[in-house]
Amino acid sequence: MINFAYIKNRTLFFVFNHPIGKQEFDNNIQSIKSALKFHMPSECQECNESLFDEIKAFVTHSPKSNTPKYKEIKQVYKERSSGDFDINVDDEKLNSLIRSIQEIIKKANKNEA
């Protein structure tokens, strides 16, 4: 139900994708605040810069995008076979399929040379 969270102007924001999640969060916000304040370090100078004073939540009404978060990379490999191999298959359909694959391999090797 939580899309993401971020800190801005010393306020911790929780962004929900459904109003029920925000309502449940609002019902428990005081216990969340007290638990976080109990566990926050007070001596650490580096930590004090990134701490927050307030916690707020809201619902986003923008739909999640279904775009992949990765870049698809097409990998091309050099053909390692020369296409010179014996075909010992009795089935005629399978034999013709293997021969067509053999011809594709031989053509690929001629184009690379």
PDB file of N, CA and C in Angstrom:
ATOM      1  N   MET A   1       0.800  -1.191   0.000  1.00  0.00           N
ATOM      2  CA  MET A   1       0.000   0.000   0.000  1.00  0.00           C
ATOM      3  C   MET A   1       0.850   1.265   0.000  1.00  0.00           C
ATOM      4  N   ILE A   2       2.071   1.205   0.523  1.00  0.00           N
ATOM      5  CA  ILE A   2       2.954   2.376   0.505  1.00  0.00           C
ATOM      6  C   ILE A   2       3.690   2.381  -0.828  1.00  0.00           C
ATOM      7  N   ASN A   3       3.523   3.467  -1.585  1.00  0.00           N
ATOM      8  CA  ASN A   3       4.247   3.608  -2.847  1.00  0.00           C
ATOM      9  C   ASN A   3       5.706   3.929  -2.584  1.00  0.00           C
ATOM     10  N   PHE A   4       5.944   4.992  -1.822  1.00  0.00           N
ATOM     11  CA  PHE A   4       7.298   5.389  -1.481  1.00  0.00           C
ATOM     12  C   PHE A   4       7.240   6.374  -0.329  1.00  0.00           C
ATOM     13  N   ALA A   5       8.400   6.732   0.187  1.00  0.00           N
ATOM     14  CA  ALA A   5       8.508   7.701   1.271  1.00  0.00           C
ATOM     15  C   ALA A   5       9.695   8.605   0.975  1.00  0.00           C
ATOM     16  N   TYR A   6       9.624   9.842   1.465  1.00  0.00           N
ATOM     17  CA  TYR A   6      10.722  10.776   1.264  1.00  0.00           C
ATOM     18  C   TYR A   6      10.717  11.813   2.378  1.00  0.00           C
ATOM     19  N   ILE A   7      11.856  12.509   2.533  1.00  0.00           N
ATOM     20  CA  ILE A   7      11.983  13.560   3.536  1.00  0.00           C
ATOM     21  C   ILE A   7      12.156  14.886   2.811  1.00  0.00           C
ATOM     22  N   LYS A   8      11.329  15.861   3.195  1.00  0.00           N
ATOM     23  CA  LYS A   8      11.416  17.195   2.613  1.00  0.00           C
ATOM     24  C   LYS A   8      11.129  18.212   3.710  1.00  0.00           C
ATOM     25  N   ASN A   9      12.015  19.194   3.853  1.00  0.00           N
ATOM     26  CA  ASN A   9      11.864  20.242   4.867  1.00  0.00           C
ATOM     27  C   ASN A   9      11.639  19.654   6.258  1.00  0.00           C
ATOM     28  N   ARG A  10      12.448  18.681   6.608  1.00  0.00           N
ATOM     29  CA  ARG A  10      12.403  18.007   7.917  1.00  0.00           C
ATOM     30  C   ARG A  10      11.044  17.369   8.200  1.00  0.00           C
ATOM     31  N   THR A  11      10.339  16.963   7.147  1.00  0.00           N
ATOM     32  CA  THR A  11       9.070  16.246   7.280  1.00  0.00           C
ATOM     33  C   THR A  11       9.185  14.937   6.514  1.00  0.00           C
ATOM     34  N   LEU A  12       8.835  13.842   7.157  1.00  0.00           N
ATOM     35  CA  LEU A  12       8.835  12.525   6.523  1.00  0.00           C
ATOM     36  C   LEU A  12       7.467  12.299   5.906  1.00  0.00           C
ATOM     37  N   PHE A  13       7.423  12.137   4.589  1.00  0.00           N
ATOM     38  CA  PHE A  13       6.186  11.920   3.858  1.00  0.00           C
ATOM     39  C   PHE A  13       6.078  10.454   3.451  1.00  0.00           C
ATOM     40  N   PHE A  14       4.903   9.879   3.667  1.00  0.00           N
ATOM     41  CA  PHE A  14       4.576   8.549   3.165  1.00  0.00           C
ATOM     42  C   PHE A  14       3.520   8.726   2.093  1.00  0.00           C
ATOM     43  N   VAL A  15       3.752   8.128   0.931  1.00  0.00           N
ATOM     44  CA  VAL A  15       2.818   8.243  -0.185  1.00  0.00           C
ATOM     45  C   VAL A  15       2.149   6.891  -0.371  1.00  0.00           C
ATOM     46  N   PHE A  16       0.827   6.892  -0.244  1.00  0.00           N
ATOM     47  CA  PHE A  16       0.049   5.666  -0.352  1.00  0.00           C
ATOM     48  C   PHE A  16      -0.649   5.615  -1.698  1.00  0.00           C
ATOM     49  N   ASN A  17      -0.964   4.403  -2.145  1.00  0.00           N
ATOM     50  CA  ASN A  17      -1.691   4.253  -3.396  1.00  0.00           C
ATOM     51  C   ASN A  17      -3.158   3.917  -3.169  1.00  0.00           C
ATOM     52  N   HIS A  18      -3.588   3.907  -1.902  1.00  0.00           N
ATOM     53  CA  HIS A  18      -4.989   3.621  -1.609  1.00  0.00           C
ATOM     54  C   HIS A  18      -5.399   4.378  -0.341  1.00  0.00           C
ATOM     55  N   PRO A  19      -6.603   4.965  -0.325  1.00  0.00           N
ATOM     56  CA  PRO A  19      -7.034   5.746   0.840  1.00  0.00           C
ATOM     57  C   PRO A  19      -7.143   4.942   2.130  1.00  0.00           C
ATOM     58  N   ILE A  20      -7.429   3.662   2.037  1.00  0.00           N
ATOM     59  CA  ILE A  20      -7.554   2.842   3.251  1.00  0.00           C
ATOM     60  C   ILE A  20      -6.198   2.717   3.943  1.00  0.00           C
ATOM     61  N   GLY A  21      -5.132   2.616   3.160  1.00  0.00           N
ATOM     62  CA  GLY A  21      -3.801   2.540   3.739  1.00  0.00           C
ATOM     63  C   GLY A  21      -3.455   3.814   4.496  1.00  0.00           C
ATOM     64  N   LYS A  22      -3.822   4.962   3.915  1.00  0.00           N
ATOM     65  CA  LYS A  22      -3.579   6.240   4.591  1.00  0.00           C
ATOM     66  C   LYS A  22      -4.405   6.342   5.861  1.00  0.00           C
ATOM     67  N   GLN A  23      -5.646   5.905   5.811  1.00  0.00           N
ATOM     68  CA  GLN A  23      -6.516   5.964   6.991  1.00  0.00           C
ATOM     69  C   GLN A  23      -5.942   5.109   8.119  1.00  0.00           C
ATOM     70  N   GLU A  24      -5.469   3.922   7.791  1.00  0.00           N
ATOM     71  CA  GLU A  24      -4.864   3.048   8.794  1.00  0.00           C
ATOM     72  C   GLU A  24      -3.581   3.679   9.347  1.00  0.00           C
ATOM     73  N   PHE A  25      -2.811   4.293   8.462  1.00  0.00           N
ATOM     74  CA  PHE A  25      -1.590   4.978   8.889  1.00  0.00           C
ATOM     75  C   PHE A  25      -1.927   6.131   9.831  1.00  0.00           C
ATOM     76  N   ASP A  26      -2.945   6.922   9.489  1.00  0.00           N
ATOM     77  CA  ASP A  26      -3.352   8.044  10.331  1.00  0.00           C
ATOM     78  C   ASP A  26      -3.827   7.571  11.707  1.00  0.00           C
ATOM     79  N   ASN A  27      -4.478   6.422  11.759  1.00  0.00           N
ATOM     80  CA  ASN A  27      -4.938   5.886  13.043  1.00  0.00           C
ATOM     81  C   ASN A  27      -3.765   5.498  13.952  1.00  0.00           C
ATOM     82  N   ASN A  28      -2.645   5.130  13.359  1.00  0.00           N
ATOM     83  CA  ASN A  28      -1.492   4.662  14.131  1.00  0.00           C
ATOM     84  C   ASN A  28      -0.331   5.642  14.131  1.00  0.00           C
ATOM     85  N   ILE A  29      -0.535   6.861  13.651  1.00  0.00           N
ATOM     86  CA  ILE A  29       0.580   7.785  13.475  1.00  0.00           C
ATOM     87  C   ILE A  29       1.236   8.183  14.794  1.00  0.00           C
ATOM     88  N   GLN A  30       0.483   8.329  15.852  1.00  0.00           N
ATOM     89  CA  GLN A  30       1.079   8.716  17.138  1.00  0.00           C
ATOM     90  C   GLN A  30       2.018   7.636  17.667  1.00  0.00           C
ATOM     91  N   SER A  31       1.609   6.378  17.554  1.00  0.00           N
ATOM     92  CA  SER A  31       2.491   5.303  18.012  1.00  0.00           C
ATOM     93  C   SER A  31       3.724   5.186  17.120  1.00  0.00           C
ATOM     94  N   ILE A  32       3.581   5.484  15.827  1.00  0.00           N
ATOM     95  CA  ILE A  32       4.725   5.461  14.911  1.00  0.00           C
ATOM     96  C   ILE A  32       5.700   6.580  15.279  1.00  0.00           C
ATOM     97  N   LYS A  33       5.164   7.789  15.542  1.00  0.00           N
ATOM     98  CA  LYS A  33       6.020   8.919  15.913  1.00  0.00           C
ATOM     99  C   LYS A  33       6.792   8.636  17.204  1.00  0.00           C
ATOM    100  N   SER A  34       6.113   8.093  18.196  1.00  0.00           N
ATOM    101  CA  SER A  34       6.793   7.837  19.462  1.00  0.00           C
ATOM    102  C   SER A  34       7.855   6.751  19.314  1.00  0.00           C
ATOM    103  N   ALA A  35       7.586   5.743  18.528  1.00  0.00           N
ATOM    104  CA  ALA A  35       8.578   4.685  18.304  1.00  0.00           C
ATOM    105  C   ALA A  35       9.795   5.219  17.556  1.00  0.00           C
ATOM    106  N   LEU A  36       9.573   6.070  16.560  1.00  0.00           N
ATOM    107  CA  LEU A  36      10.698   6.631  15.812  1.00  0.00           C
ATOM    108  C   LEU A  36      11.514   7.593  16.663  1.00  0.00           C
ATOM    109  N   LYS A  37      10.861   8.407  17.460  1.00  0.00           N
ATOM    110  CA  LYS A  37      11.587   9.347  18.316  1.00  0.00           C
ATOM    111  C   LYS A  37      12.390   8.603  19.380  1.00  0.00           C
ATOM    112  N   PHE A  38      11.887   7.465  19.834  1.00  0.00           N
ATOM    113  CA  PHE A  38      12.588   6.669  20.831  1.00  0.00           C
ATOM    114  C   PHE A  38      13.888   6.096  20.277  1.00  0.00           C
ATOM    115  N   HIS A  39      13.892   5.733  18.993  1.00  0.00           N
ATOM    116  CA  HIS A  39      15.052   5.077  18.388  1.00  0.00           C
ATOM    117  C   HIS A  39      15.976   6.015  17.627  1.00  0.00           C
ATOM    118  N   MET A  40      15.680   7.296  17.549  1.00  0.00           N
ATOM    119  CA  MET A  40      16.541   8.221  16.816  1.00  0.00           C
ATOM    120  C   MET A  40      17.758   8.588  17.649  1.00  0.00           C
ATOM    121  N   PRO A  41      18.950   8.568  17.048  1.00  0.00           N
ATOM    122  CA  PRO A  41      20.152   8.950  17.795  1.00  0.00           C
ATOM    123  C   PRO A  41      20.176  10.459  18.017  1.00  0.00           C
ATOM    124  N   SER A  42      20.598  10.880  19.204  1.00  0.00           N
ATOM    125  CA  SER A  42      20.634  12.316  19.509  1.00  0.00           C
ATOM    126  C   SER A  42      22.055  12.872  19.490  1.00  0.00           C
ATOM    127  N   GLU A  43      23.066  12.030  19.622  1.00  0.00           N
ATOM    128  CA  GLU A  43      24.438  12.500  19.691  1.00  0.00           C
ATOM    129  C   GLU A  43      25.077  12.671  18.320  1.00  0.00           C
ATOM    130  N   CYS A  44      24.602  12.012  17.344  1.00  0.00           N
ATOM    131  CA  CYS A  44      25.239  11.959  16.023  1.00  0.00           C
ATOM    132  C   CYS A  44      24.961  13.249  15.234  1.00  0.00           C
ATOM    133  N   GLN A  45      26.024  14.009  14.914  1.00  0.00           N
ATOM    134  CA  GLN A  45      25.863  15.249  14.152  1.00  0.00           C
ATOM    135  C   GLN A  45      25.406  14.965  12.719  1.00  0.00           C
ATOM    136  N   GLU A  46      25.958  13.927  12.108  1.00  0.00           N
ATOM    137  CA  GLU A  46      25.582  13.591  10.738  1.00  0.00           C
ATOM    138  C   GLU A  46      24.123  13.182  10.663  1.00  0.00           C
ATOM    139  N   CYS A  47      23.638  12.486  11.704  1.00  0.00           N
ATOM    140  CA  CYS A  47      22.263  12.007  11.705  1.00  0.00           C
ATOM    141  C   CYS A  47      21.274  13.144  11.929  1.00  0.00           C
ATOM    142  N   ASN A  48      21.652  14.158  12.696  1.00  0.00           N
ATOM    143  CA  ASN A  48      20.737  15.249  12.997  1.00  0.00           C
ATOM    144  C   ASN A  48      20.377  16.059  11.761  1.00  0.00           C
ATOM    145  N   GLU A  49      21.255  16.085  10.762  1.00  0.00           N
ATOM    146  CA  GLU A  49      20.958  16.822   9.537  1.00  0.00           C
ATOM    147  C   GLU A  49      19.845  16.164   8.733  1.00  0.00           C
ATOM    148  N   SER A  50      19.728  14.862   8.807  1.00  0.00           N
ATOM    149  CA  SER A  50      18.742  14.160   7.996  1.00  0.00           C
ATOM    150  C   SER A  50      17.496  13.759   8.781  1.00  0.00           C
ATOM    151  N   LEU A  51      17.403  14.161  10.039  1.00  0.00           N
ATOM    152  CA  LEU A  51      16.241  13.790  10.831  1.00  0.00           C
ATOM    153  C   LEU A  51      15.034  14.621  10.435  1.00  0.00           C
ATOM    154  N   PHE A  52      13.894  14.219  10.915  1.00  0.00           N
ATOM    155  CA  PHE A  52      12.651  14.894  10.574  1.00  0.00           C
ATOM    156  C   PHE A  52      11.895  15.214  11.852  1.00  0.00           C
ATOM    157  N   ASP A  53      11.071  16.260  11.765  1.00  0.00           N
ATOM    158  CA  ASP A  53      10.290  16.702  12.914  1.00  0.00           C
ATOM    159  C   ASP A  53       8.838  16.258  12.833  1.00  0.00           C
ATOM    160  N   GLU A  54       8.336  16.063  11.637  1.00  0.00           N
ATOM    161  CA  GLU A  54       6.922  15.776  11.439  1.00  0.00           C
ATOM    162  C   GLU A  54       6.778  14.590  10.490  1.00  0.00           C
ATOM    163  N   ILE A  55       5.664  13.877  10.607  1.00  0.00           N
ATOM    164  CA  ILE A  55       5.344  12.764   9.705  1.00  0.00           C
ATOM    165  C   ILE A  55       3.985  13.047   9.103  1.00  0.00           C
ATOM    166  N   LYS A  56       3.916  12.978   7.773  1.00  0.00           N
ATOM    167  CA  LYS A  56       2.650  13.213   7.067  1.00  0.00           C
ATOM    168  C   LYS A  56       2.460  12.119   6.032  1.00  0.00           C
ATOM    169  N   ALA A  57       1.208  11.939   5.647  1.00  0.00           N
ATOM    170  CA  ALA A  57       0.887  10.930   4.640  1.00  0.00           C
ATOM    171  C   ALA A  57      -0.139  11.494   3.674  1.00  0.00           C
ATOM    172  N   PHE A  58      -0.060  11.050   2.439  1.00  0.00           N
ATOM    173  CA  PHE A  58      -1.087  11.414   1.465  1.00  0.00           C
ATOM    174  C   PHE A  58      -1.213  10.304   0.436  1.00  0.00           C
ATOM    175  N   VAL A  59      -2.303  10.373  -0.327  1.00  0.00           N
ATOM    176  CA  VAL A  59      -2.608   9.349  -1.328  1.00  0.00           C
ATOM    177  C   VAL A  59      -2.316   9.932  -2.699  1.00  0.00           C
ATOM    178  N   THR A  60      -1.591   9.204  -3.496  1.00  0.00           N
ATOM    179  CA  THR A  60      -1.353   9.613  -4.874  1.00  0.00           C
ATOM    180  C   THR A  60      -2.440   9.007  -5.752  1.00  0.00           C
ATOM    181  N   HIS A  61      -2.895   9.793  -6.700  1.00  0.00           N
ATOM    182  CA  HIS A  61      -3.953   9.313  -7.585  1.00  0.00           C
ATOM    183  C   HIS A  61      -3.436   9.019  -8.982  1.00  0.00           C
ATOM    184  N   SER A  62      -2.134   9.082  -9.141  1.00  0.00           N
ATOM    185  CA  SER A  62      -1.558   8.739 -10.431  1.00  0.00           C
ATOM    186  C   SER A  62      -1.314   7.238 -10.477  1.00  0.00           C
ATOM    187  N   PRO A  63      -1.714   6.588 -11.564  1.00  0.00           N
ATOM    188  CA  PRO A  63      -1.521   5.134 -11.643  1.00  0.00           C
ATOM    189  C   PRO A  63      -0.048   4.785 -11.787  1.00  0.00           C
ATOM    190  N   LYS A  64       0.291   3.611 -11.309  1.00  0.00           N
ATOM    191  CA  LYS A  64       1.664   3.130 -11.453  1.00  0.00           C
ATOM    192  C   LYS A  64       1.927   2.817 -12.917  1.00  0.00           C
ATOM    193  N   SER A  65       3.093   3.195 -13.373  1.00  0.00           N
ATOM    194  CA  SER A  65       3.444   2.888 -14.753  1.00  0.00           C
ATOM    195  C   SER A  65       3.957   1.460 -14.820  1.00  0.00           C
ATOM    196  N   ASN A  66       3.629   0.782 -15.883  1.00  0.00           N
ATOM    197  CA  ASN A  66       4.045  -0.606 -16.053  1.00  0.00           C
ATOM    198  C   ASN A  66       5.301  -0.716 -16.902  1.00  0.00           C
ATOM    199  N   THR A  67       6.023   0.383 -17.045  1.00  0.00           N
ATOM    200  CA  THR A  67       7.238   0.331 -17.831  1.00  0.00           C
ATOM    201  C   THR A  67       8.332  -0.360 -17.029  1.00  0.00           C
ATOM    202  N   PRO A  68       9.102  -1.187 -17.671  1.00  0.00           N
ATOM    203  CA  PRO A  68      10.180  -1.862 -16.937  1.00  0.00           C
ATOM    204  C   PRO A  68      11.244  -0.860 -16.516  1.00  0.00           C
ATOM    205  N   LYS A  69      11.863  -1.119 -15.377  1.00  0.00           N
ATOM    206  CA  LYS A  69      12.873  -0.219 -14.843  1.00  0.00           C
ATOM    207  C   LYS A  69      14.274  -0.633 -15.262  1.00  0.00           C
ATOM    208  N   TYR A  70      14.363  -1.512 -16.200  1.00  0.00           N
ATOM    209  CA  TYR A  70      15.665  -1.965 -16.656  1.00  0.00           C
ATOM    210  C   TYR A  70      15.751  -1.763 -18.168  1.00  0.00           C
ATOM    211  N   LYS A  71      16.935  -1.608 -18.632  1.00  0.00           N
ATOM    212  CA  LYS A  71      17.161  -1.442 -20.059  1.00  0.00           C
ATOM    213  C   LYS A  71      17.462  -2.808 -20.663  1.00  0.00           C
ATOM    214  N   GLU A  72      16.718  -3.159 -21.683  1.00  0.00           N
ATOM    215  CA  GLU A  72      16.910  -4.454 -22.321  1.00  0.00           C
ATOM    216  C   GLU A  72      18.111  -4.368 -23.266  1.00  0.00           C
ATOM    217  N   ILE A  73      19.048  -5.261 -23.057  1.00  0.00           N
ATOM    218  CA  ILE A  73      20.259  -5.289 -23.873  1.00  0.00           C
ATOM    219  C   ILE A  73      20.242  -6.579 -24.690  1.00  0.00           C
ATOM    220  N   LYS A  74      20.277  -6.419 -25.988  1.00  0.00           N
ATOM    221  CA  LYS A  74      20.303  -7.590 -26.855  1.00  0.00           C
ATOM    222  C   LYS A  74      21.742  -8.076 -26.956  1.00  0.00           C
ATOM    223  N   GLN A  75      21.946  -9.312 -26.571  1.00  0.00           N
ATOM    224  CA  GLN A  75      23.294  -9.871 -26.595  1.00  0.00           C
ATOM    225  C   GLN A  75      23.461 -10.705 -27.859  1.00  0.00           C
ATOM    226  N   VAL A  76      24.554 -10.478 -28.539  1.00  0.00           N
ATOM    227  CA  VAL A  76      24.864 -11.204 -29.765  1.00  0.00           C
ATOM    228  C   VAL A  76      26.147 -11.983 -29.520  1.00  0.00           C
ATOM    229  N   TYR A  77      26.092 -13.249 -29.798  1.00  0.00           N
ATOM    230  CA  TYR A  77      27.248 -14.111 -29.595  1.00  0.00           C
ATOM    231  C   TYR A  77      27.782 -14.573 -30.946  1.00  0.00           C
ATOM    232  N   LYS A  78      29.090 -14.737 -31.009  1.00  0.00           N
ATOM    233  CA  LYS A  78      29.729 -15.262 -32.210  1.00  0.00           C
ATOM    234  C   LYS A  78      29.419 -16.757 -32.299  1.00  0.00           C
ATOM    235  N   GLU A  79      29.061 -17.201 -33.479  1.00  0.00           N
ATOM    236  CA  GLU A  79      28.752 -18.618 -33.690  1.00  0.00           C
ATOM    237  C   GLU A  79      30.024 -19.427 -33.522  1.00  0.00           C
ATOM    238  N   ARG A  80      29.975 -20.397 -32.639  1.00  0.00           N
ATOM    239  CA  ARG A  80      31.166 -21.209 -32.365  1.00  0.00           C
ATOM    240  C   ARG A  80      31.228 -22.448 -33.256  1.00  0.00           C
ATOM    241  N   SER A  81      30.112 -22.819 -33.850  1.00  0.00           N
ATOM    242  CA  SER A  81      30.094 -24.001 -34.710  1.00  0.00           C
ATOM    243  C   SER A  81      30.406 -23.584 -36.145  1.00  0.00           C
ATOM    244  N   SER A  82      31.078 -24.490 -36.869  1.00  0.00           N
ATOM    245  CA  SER A  82      31.359 -24.217 -38.281  1.00  0.00           C
ATOM    246  C   SER A  82      30.239 -24.756 -39.171  1.00  0.00           C
ATOM    247  N   GLY A  83      29.378 -25.567 -38.631  1.00  0.00           N
ATOM    248  CA  GLY A  83      28.284 -26.151 -39.412  1.00  0.00           C
ATOM    249  C   GLY A  83      28.661 -27.471 -40.054  1.00  0.00           C
ATOM    250  N   ASP A  84      29.861 -27.931 -39.783  1.00  0.00           N
ATOM    251  CA  ASP A  84      30.307 -29.208 -40.339  1.00  0.00           C
ATOM    252  C   ASP A  84      30.095 -30.298 -39.293  1.00  0.00           C
ATOM    253  N   PHE A  85      28.936 -30.901 -39.325  1.00  0.00           N
ATOM    254  CA  PHE A  85      28.647 -32.009 -38.413  1.00  0.00           C
ATOM    255  C   PHE A  85      27.731 -32.996 -39.119  1.00  0.00           C
ATOM    256  N   ASP A  86      27.813 -34.255 -38.693  1.00  0.00           N
ATOM    257  CA  ASP A  86      27.011 -35.319 -39.287  1.00  0.00           C
ATOM    258  C   ASP A  86      25.623 -35.319 -38.673  1.00  0.00           C
ATOM    259  N   ILE A  87      24.639 -35.629 -39.501  1.00  0.00           N
ATOM    260  CA  ILE A  87      23.253 -35.699 -39.028  1.00  0.00           C
ATOM    261  C   ILE A  87      22.835 -37.155 -39.101  1.00  0.00           C
ATOM    262  N   ASN A  88      22.683 -37.800 -37.963  1.00  0.00           N
ATOM    263  CA  ASN A  88      22.308 -39.205 -37.884  1.00  0.00           C
ATOM    264  C   ASN A  88      20.915 -39.331 -37.273  1.00  0.00           C
ATOM    265  N   VAL A  89      19.921 -38.801 -37.981  1.00  0.00           N
ATOM    266  CA  VAL A  89      18.548 -38.824 -37.483  1.00  0.00           C
ATOM    267  C   VAL A  89      17.683 -39.511 -38.526  1.00  0.00           C
ATOM    268  N   ASP A  90      16.849 -40.470 -38.096  1.00  0.00           N
ATOM    269  CA  ASP A  90      16.004 -41.225 -39.017  1.00  0.00           C
ATOM    270  C   ASP A  90      14.708 -40.493 -39.344  1.00  0.00           C
ATOM    271  N   ASP A  91      14.195 -39.706 -38.431  1.00  0.00           N
ATOM    272  CA  ASP A  91      12.940 -38.990 -38.648  1.00  0.00           C
ATOM    273  C   ASP A  91      13.158 -37.903 -39.707  1.00  0.00           C
ATOM    274  N   GLU A  92      12.339 -37.919 -40.773  1.00  0.00           N
ATOM    275  CA  GLU A  92      12.524 -37.017 -41.905  1.00  0.00           C
ATOM    276  C   GLU A  92      12.284 -35.554 -41.536  1.00  0.00           C
ATOM    277  N   LYS A  93      11.279 -35.277 -40.723  1.00  0.00           N
ATOM    278  CA  LYS A  93      10.992 -33.892 -40.315  1.00  0.00           C
ATOM    279  C   LYS A  93      12.138 -33.322 -39.477  1.00  0.00           C
ATOM    280  N   LEU A  94      12.591 -34.114 -38.541  1.00  0.00           N
ATOM    281  CA  LEU A  94      13.674 -33.677 -37.672  1.00  0.00           C
ATOM    282  C   LEU A  94      14.976 -33.532 -38.460  1.00  0.00           C
ATOM    283  N   ASN A  95      15.190 -34.423 -39.389  1.00  0.00           N
ATOM    284  CA  ASN A  95      16.380 -34.368 -40.224  1.00  0.00           C
ATOM    285  C   ASN A  95      16.396 -33.082 -41.063  1.00  0.00           C
ATOM    286  N   SER A  96      15.267 -32.726 -41.658  1.00  0.00           N
ATOM    287  CA  SER A  96      15.216 -31.514 -42.476  1.00  0.00           C
ATOM    288  C   SER A  96      15.376 -30.262 -41.607  1.00  0.00           C
ATOM    289  N   LEU A  97      14.871 -30.296 -40.385  1.00  0.00           N
ATOM    290  CA  LEU A  97      15.028 -29.175 -39.478  1.00  0.00           C
ATOM    291  C   LEU A  97      16.504 -28.983 -39.116  1.00  0.00           C
ATOM    292  N   ILE A  98      17.179 -30.064 -38.816  1.00  0.00           N
ATOM    293  CA  ILE A  98      18.599 -29.979 -38.462  1.00  0.00           C
ATOM    294  C   ILE A  98      19.421 -29.500 -39.657  1.00  0.00           C
ATOM    295  N   ARG A  99      19.068 -29.946 -40.857  1.00  0.00           N
ATOM    296  CA  ARG A  99      19.781 -29.494 -42.062  1.00  0.00           C
ATOM    297  C   ARG A  99      19.580 -27.994 -42.284  1.00  0.00           C
ATOM    298  N   SER A 100      18.375 -27.507 -42.014  1.00  0.00           N
ATOM    299  CA  SER A 100      18.141 -26.065 -42.191  1.00  0.00           C
ATOM    300  C   SER A 100      18.958 -25.266 -41.165  1.00  0.00           C
ATOM    301  N   ILE A 101      19.061 -25.772 -39.962  1.00  0.00           N
ATOM    302  CA  ILE A 101      19.885 -25.114 -38.943  1.00  0.00           C
ATOM    303  C   ILE A 101      21.351 -25.139 -39.371  1.00  0.00           C
ATOM    304  N   GLN A 102      21.783 -26.251 -39.937  1.00  0.00           N
ATOM    305  CA  GLN A 102      23.156 -26.377 -40.401  1.00  0.00           C
ATOM    306  C   GLN A 102      23.446 -25.346 -41.502  1.00  0.00           C
ATOM    307  N   GLU A 103      22.499 -25.140 -42.406  1.00  0.00           N
ATOM    308  CA  GLU A 103      22.683 -24.157 -43.478  1.00  0.00           C
ATOM    309  C   GLU A 103      22.741 -22.734 -42.926  1.00  0.00           C
ATOM    310  N   ILE A 104      21.928 -22.439 -41.918  1.00  0.00           N
ATOM    311  CA  ILE A 104      21.944 -21.112 -41.288  1.00  0.00           C
ATOM    312  C   ILE A 104      23.305 -20.852 -40.654  1.00  0.00           C
ATOM    313  N   ILE A 105      23.856 -21.865 -39.991  1.00  0.00           N
ATOM    314  CA  ILE A 105      25.168 -21.724 -39.349  1.00  0.00           C
ATOM    315  C   ILE A 105      26.250 -21.493 -40.402  1.00  0.00           C
ATOM    316  N   LYS A 106      26.192 -22.232 -41.500  1.00  0.00           N
ATOM    317  CA  LYS A 106      27.204 -22.074 -42.545  1.00  0.00           C
ATOM    318  C   LYS A 106      27.123 -20.691 -43.195  1.00  0.00           C
ATOM    319  N   LYS A 107      25.894 -20.188 -43.412  1.00  0.00           N
ATOM    320  CA  LYS A 107      25.740 -18.838 -43.979  1.00  0.00           C
ATOM    321  C   LYS A 107      26.253 -17.779 -43.008  1.00  0.00           C
ATOM    322  N   ALA A 108      26.007 -17.969 -41.733  1.00  0.00           N
ATOM    323  CA  ALA A 108      26.481 -16.998 -40.734  1.00  0.00           C
ATOM    324  C   ALA A 108      28.016 -16.958 -40.709  1.00  0.00           C
ATOM    325  N   ASN A 109      28.653 -18.115 -40.870  1.00  0.00           N
ATOM    326  CA  ASN A 109      30.103 -18.164 -40.880  1.00  0.00           C
ATOM    327  C   ASN A 109      30.675 -17.519 -42.141  1.00  0.00           C
ATOM    328  N   LYS A 110      29.992 -17.641 -43.283  1.00  0.00           N
ATOM    329  CA  LYS A 110      30.455 -17.015 -44.511  1.00  0.00           C
ATOM    330  C   LYS A 110      30.352 -15.497 -44.420  1.00  0.00           C
ATOM    331  N   ASN A 111      29.288 -15.007 -43.754  1.00  0.00           N
ATOM    332  CA  ASN A 111      29.098 -13.551 -43.623  1.00  0.00           C
ATOM    333  C   ASN A 111      30.125 -12.933 -42.680  1.00  0.00           C
ATOM    334  N   GLU A 112      30.563 -13.681 -41.680  1.00  0.00           N
ATOM    335  CA  GLU A 112      31.544 -13.156 -40.714  1.00  0.00           C
ATOM    336  C   GLU A 112      32.931 -13.109 -41.311  1.00  0.00           C
ATOM    337  N   ALA A 113      33.216 -14.017 -42.246  1.00  0.00           N
ATOM    338  CA  ALA A 113      34.574 -14.079 -42.823  1.00  0.00           C
ATOM    339  C   ALA A 113      34.827 -13.011 -43.841  1.00  0.00           C
TER     340      ALA A 113
END
